[in-house]
Amino acid sequence: MPDMEKIKEKISTDPFASMLGVRFDELGEGYVKLSMQVRDDMLNFNGSMHGGVIFSFADIAFSAASNSHGTVAVALHADITYLKAVPPGSTLIATGVEKNRTRRTGLYSINIDDADGNHIAVFQGVVYRMDQPLF
């Protein structure tokens, strides 16, 4: 069984996640829950949250969930469906769940919701699991 505290500590040092203000709230094997406050510098020219930031937030959750077994996992494919615009000042929550894991691949689903439970986006990704420990 992997040392979840050690894995959470390593994953939460991601500099890009830190720049976005992502908080690593929960981490388990094949599971993650993150949160992030929407800042004004994350908005697009229409005044709503930039889709690239939403994708990045989902991708951070994808990375955390897929590497939570203590083995390096790298993305092979990812896609997102945007469901609702996000106004400034919102808090987003990403919940990532492992749907399938083999020795070499893994499938992950990430739901992005706001603090009121509104569905913002759905992300799905596939990873390649390498023969390399996370540490």
C-alpha atoms as a PDB file:
ATOM      1  CA  MET A   1       0.000   0.000   0.000  1.00  0.00           C
ATOM      2  CA  PRO A   2       1.462   3.395  -0.970  1.00  0.00           C
ATOM      3  CA  ASP A   3       2.282   6.069   1.618  1.00  0.00           C
ATOM      4  CA  MET A   4      -0.542   8.526   0.835  1.00  0.00           C
ATOM      5  CA  GLU A   5       0.889  11.355   2.947  1.00  0.00           C
ATOM      6  CA  LYS A   6       4.220  11.146   1.124  1.00  0.00           C
ATOM      7  CA  ILE A   7       2.455  11.006  -2.264  1.00  0.00           C
ATOM      8  CA  LYS A   8       0.178  13.951  -1.365  1.00  0.00           C
ATOM      9  CA  GLU A   9       3.212  15.960  -0.261  1.00  0.00           C
ATOM     10  CA  LYS A  10       4.997  15.311  -3.581  1.00  0.00           C
ATOM     11  CA  ILE A  11       1.951  15.960  -5.776  1.00  0.00           C
ATOM     12  CA  SER A  12       1.029  19.152  -3.928  1.00  0.00           C
ATOM     13  CA  THR A  13       4.443  20.683  -4.740  1.00  0.00           C
ATOM     14  CA  ASP A  14       3.392  21.116  -8.393  1.00  0.00           C
ATOM     15  CA  PRO A  15       4.467  24.703  -9.235  1.00  0.00           C
ATOM     16  CA  PHE A  16       1.723  25.251 -11.839  1.00  0.00           C
ATOM     17  CA  ALA A  17      -0.981  24.122  -9.394  1.00  0.00           C
ATOM     18  CA  SER A  18       0.512  26.472  -6.830  1.00  0.00           C
ATOM     19  CA  MET A  19       0.427  29.370  -9.293  1.00  0.00           C
ATOM     20  CA  LEU A  20      -3.288  28.733  -9.869  1.00  0.00           C
ATOM     21  CA  GLY A  21      -3.937  28.534  -6.118  1.00  0.00           C
ATOM     22  CA  VAL A  22      -5.087  24.907  -6.203  1.00  0.00           C
ATOM     23  CA  ARG A  23      -5.682  23.313  -2.807  1.00  0.00           C
ATOM     24  CA  PHE A  24      -5.197  19.554  -2.464  1.00  0.00           C
ATOM     25  CA  ASP A  25      -8.086  18.766  -0.105  1.00  0.00           C
ATOM     26  CA  GLU A  26      -8.223  14.946  -0.304  1.00  0.00           C
ATOM     27  CA  LEU A  27      -6.111  12.239  -1.910  1.00  0.00           C
ATOM     28  CA  GLY A  28      -6.578   8.482  -1.891  1.00  0.00           C
ATOM     29  CA  GLU A  29      -5.649   5.666  -4.224  1.00  0.00           C
ATOM     30  CA  GLY A  30      -7.291   6.573  -7.527  1.00  0.00           C
ATOM     31  CA  TYR A  31      -9.144   9.519  -5.974  1.00  0.00           C
ATOM     32  CA  VAL A  32      -8.604  13.243  -5.490  1.00  0.00           C
ATOM     33  CA  LYS A  33     -10.575  16.288  -4.422  1.00  0.00           C
ATOM     34  CA  LEU A  34      -9.186  19.750  -5.171  1.00  0.00           C
ATOM     35  CA  SER A  35     -10.510  23.272  -4.796  1.00  0.00           C
ATOM     36  CA  MET A  36      -9.615  26.613  -6.347  1.00  0.00           C
ATOM     37  CA  GLN A  37     -10.852  30.200  -6.073  1.00  0.00           C
ATOM     38  CA  VAL A  38     -11.526  31.954  -9.393  1.00  0.00           C
ATOM     39  CA  ARG A  39      -9.433  35.125  -9.630  1.00  0.00           C
ATOM     40  CA  ASP A  40      -9.828  38.066 -12.001  1.00  0.00           C
ATOM     41  CA  ASP A  41      -6.632  37.091 -13.854  1.00  0.00           C
ATOM     42  CA  MET A  42      -8.314  33.763 -14.775  1.00  0.00           C
ATOM     43  CA  LEU A  43     -11.100  35.438 -16.764  1.00  0.00           C
ATOM     44  CA  ASN A  44     -11.457  35.692 -20.511  1.00  0.00           C
ATOM     45  CA  PHE A  45     -12.466  38.793 -22.481  1.00  0.00           C
ATOM     46  CA  ASN A  46     -16.157  37.961 -21.856  1.00  0.00           C
ATOM     47  CA  GLY A  47     -15.701  38.154 -18.083  1.00  0.00           C
ATOM     48  CA  SER A  48     -16.110  34.452 -17.345  1.00  0.00           C
ATOM     49  CA  MET A  49     -13.468  31.913 -16.379  1.00  0.00           C
ATOM     50  CA  HIS A  50     -11.111  31.017 -19.209  1.00  0.00           C
ATOM     51  CA  GLY A  51     -11.667  27.484 -20.516  1.00  0.00           C
ATOM     52  CA  GLY A  52      -7.923  26.848 -20.463  1.00  0.00           C
ATOM     53  CA  VAL A  53      -7.830  27.431 -16.712  1.00  0.00           C
ATOM     54  CA  ILE A  54     -10.744  25.036 -16.194  1.00  0.00           C
ATOM     55  CA  PHE A  55      -8.942  22.442 -18.336  1.00  0.00           C
ATOM     56  CA  SER A  56      -5.731  22.977 -16.367  1.00  0.00           C
ATOM     57  CA  PHE A  57      -7.574  22.559 -13.054  1.00  0.00           C
ATOM     58  CA  ALA A  58      -9.105  19.288 -14.302  1.00  0.00           C
ATOM     59  CA  ASP A  59      -5.723  18.148 -15.642  1.00  0.00           C
ATOM     60  CA  ILE A  60      -4.107  18.729 -12.241  1.00  0.00           C
ATOM     61  CA  ALA A  61      -6.789  16.529 -10.653  1.00  0.00           C
ATOM     62  CA  PHE A  62      -6.232  13.923 -13.394  1.00  0.00           C
ATOM     63  CA  SER A  63      -2.505  13.896 -12.693  1.00  0.00           C
ATOM     64  CA  ALA A  64      -2.987  13.609  -8.934  1.00  0.00           C
ATOM     65  CA  ALA A  65      -5.513  10.767  -9.144  1.00  0.00           C
ATOM     66  CA  SER A  66      -3.508   8.807 -11.710  1.00  0.00           C
ATOM     67  CA  ASN A  67      -0.193   9.135  -9.836  1.00  0.00           C
ATOM     68  CA  SER A  68      -1.754   8.374  -6.443  1.00  0.00           C
ATOM     69  CA  HIS A  69      -0.663   4.725  -6.567  1.00  0.00           C
ATOM     70  CA  GLY A  70       2.973   5.785  -6.260  1.00  0.00           C
ATOM     71  CA  THR A  71       3.863   4.896  -9.856  1.00  0.00           C
ATOM     72  CA  VAL A  72       4.507   7.507 -12.547  1.00  0.00           C
ATOM     73  CA  ALA A  73       1.534   7.871 -14.903  1.00  0.00           C
ATOM     74  CA  VAL A  74       1.620  10.151 -17.955  1.00  0.00           C
ATOM     75  CA  ALA A  75      -1.300  11.391 -20.044  1.00  0.00           C
ATOM     76  CA  LEU A  76      -2.120   9.717 -23.346  1.00  0.00           C
ATOM     77  CA  HIS A  77      -5.432  11.427 -24.013  1.00  0.00           C
ATOM     78  CA  ALA A  78      -7.705  13.963 -22.348  1.00  0.00           C
ATOM     79  CA  ASP A  79     -10.923  15.703 -23.276  1.00  0.00           C
ATOM     80  CA  ILE A  80     -13.331  18.077 -21.593  1.00  0.00           C
ATOM     81  CA  THR A  81     -16.924  19.153 -22.014  1.00  0.00           C
ATOM     82  CA  TYR A  82     -17.821  22.593 -20.665  1.00  0.00           C
ATOM     83  CA  LEU A  83     -21.305  22.795 -19.194  1.00  0.00           C
ATOM     84  CA  LYS A  84     -21.661  26.209 -17.546  1.00  0.00           C
ATOM     85  CA  ALA A  85     -19.852  29.555 -17.461  1.00  0.00           C
ATOM     86  CA  VAL A  86     -18.031  30.417 -14.238  1.00  0.00           C
ATOM     87  CA  PRO A  87     -18.272  33.956 -12.848  1.00  0.00           C
ATOM     88  CA  PRO A  88     -15.416  35.681 -10.996  1.00  0.00           C
ATOM     89  CA  GLY A  89     -15.109  34.929  -7.299  1.00  0.00           C
ATOM     90  CA  SER A  90     -16.500  31.399  -7.608  1.00  0.00           C
ATOM     91  CA  THR A  91     -14.916  28.442  -5.864  1.00  0.00           C
ATOM     92  CA  LEU A  92     -14.417  25.379  -8.033  1.00  0.00           C
ATOM     93  CA  ILE A  93     -14.143  21.803  -6.802  1.00  0.00           C
ATOM     94  CA  ALA A  94     -12.568  19.027  -8.870  1.00  0.00           C
ATOM     95  CA  THR A  95     -13.345  15.443  -7.934  1.00  0.00           C
ATOM     96  CA  GLY A  96     -11.308  12.817  -9.733  1.00  0.00           C
ATOM     97  CA  VAL A  97     -12.122   9.116  -9.725  1.00  0.00           C
ATOM     98  CA  GLU A  98     -10.317   6.172 -11.257  1.00  0.00           C
ATOM     99  CA  LYS A  99     -12.705   4.259 -13.516  1.00  0.00           C
ATOM    100  CA  ASN A 100     -10.341   1.548 -14.750  1.00  0.00           C
ATOM    101  CA  ARG A 101      -6.722   0.625 -14.068  1.00  0.00           C
ATOM    102  CA  THR A 102      -4.583  -2.037 -15.656  1.00  0.00           C
ATOM    103  CA  ARG A 103      -0.873  -2.651 -15.310  1.00  0.00           C
ATOM    104  CA  ARG A 104      -0.215  -0.225 -18.193  1.00  0.00           C
ATOM    105  CA  THR A 105      -3.180   2.154 -18.500  1.00  0.00           C
ATOM    106  CA  GLY A 106      -5.754   3.982 -16.427  1.00  0.00           C
ATOM    107  CA  LEU A 107      -9.017   5.785 -17.155  1.00  0.00           C
ATOM    108  CA  TYR A 108     -10.025   8.753 -14.971  1.00  0.00           C
ATOM    109  CA  SER A 109     -13.130  10.901 -14.769  1.00  0.00           C
ATOM    110  CA  ILE A 110     -12.940  14.410 -13.308  1.00  0.00           C
ATOM    111  CA  ASN A 111     -16.049  16.409 -12.405  1.00  0.00           C
ATOM    112  CA  ILE A 112     -15.699  20.156 -11.966  1.00  0.00           C
ATOM    113  CA  ASP A 113     -18.440  21.748  -9.870  1.00  0.00           C
ATOM    114  CA  ASP A 114     -18.880  25.099  -8.181  1.00  0.00           C
ATOM    115  CA  ALA A 115     -19.424  25.455  -4.432  1.00  0.00           C
ATOM    116  CA  ASP A 116     -23.218  25.409  -4.973  1.00  0.00           C
ATOM    117  CA  GLY A 117     -23.046  22.009  -6.674  1.00  0.00           C
ATOM    118  CA  ASN A 118     -23.572  23.282 -10.225  1.00  0.00           C
ATOM    119  CA  HIS A 119     -21.827  21.121 -12.822  1.00  0.00           C
ATOM    120  CA  ILE A 120     -19.223  23.218 -14.651  1.00  0.00           C
ATOM    121  CA  ALA A 121     -17.315  20.663 -16.731  1.00  0.00           C
ATOM    122  CA  VAL A 122     -16.652  16.961 -17.195  1.00  0.00           C
ATOM    123  CA  PHE A 123     -13.125  15.783 -18.049  1.00  0.00           C
ATOM    124  CA  GLN A 124     -11.971  12.294 -18.982  1.00  0.00           C
ATOM    125  CA  GLY A 125      -8.391  11.157 -19.408  1.00  0.00           C
ATOM    126  CA  VAL A 126      -6.315   8.080 -20.128  1.00  0.00           C
ATOM    127  CA  VAL A 127      -2.805   7.555 -18.768  1.00  0.00           C
ATOM    128  CA  TYR A 128       0.084   5.254 -19.540  1.00  0.00           C
ATOM    129  CA  ARG A 129       1.457   3.727 -16.349  1.00  0.00           C
ATOM    130  CA  MET A 130       5.246   3.565 -16.433  1.00  0.00           C
ATOM    131  CA  ASP A 131       7.557   1.105 -14.663  1.00  0.00           C
ATOM    132  CA  GLN A 132       8.898   3.975 -12.571  1.00  0.00           C
ATOM    133  CA  PRO A 133       8.181   4.735  -8.922  1.00  0.00           C
ATOM    134  CA  LEU A 134       7.033   8.257  -8.076  1.00  0.00           C
ATOM    135  CA  PHE A 135       9.984   8.610  -5.676  1.00  0.00           C
END
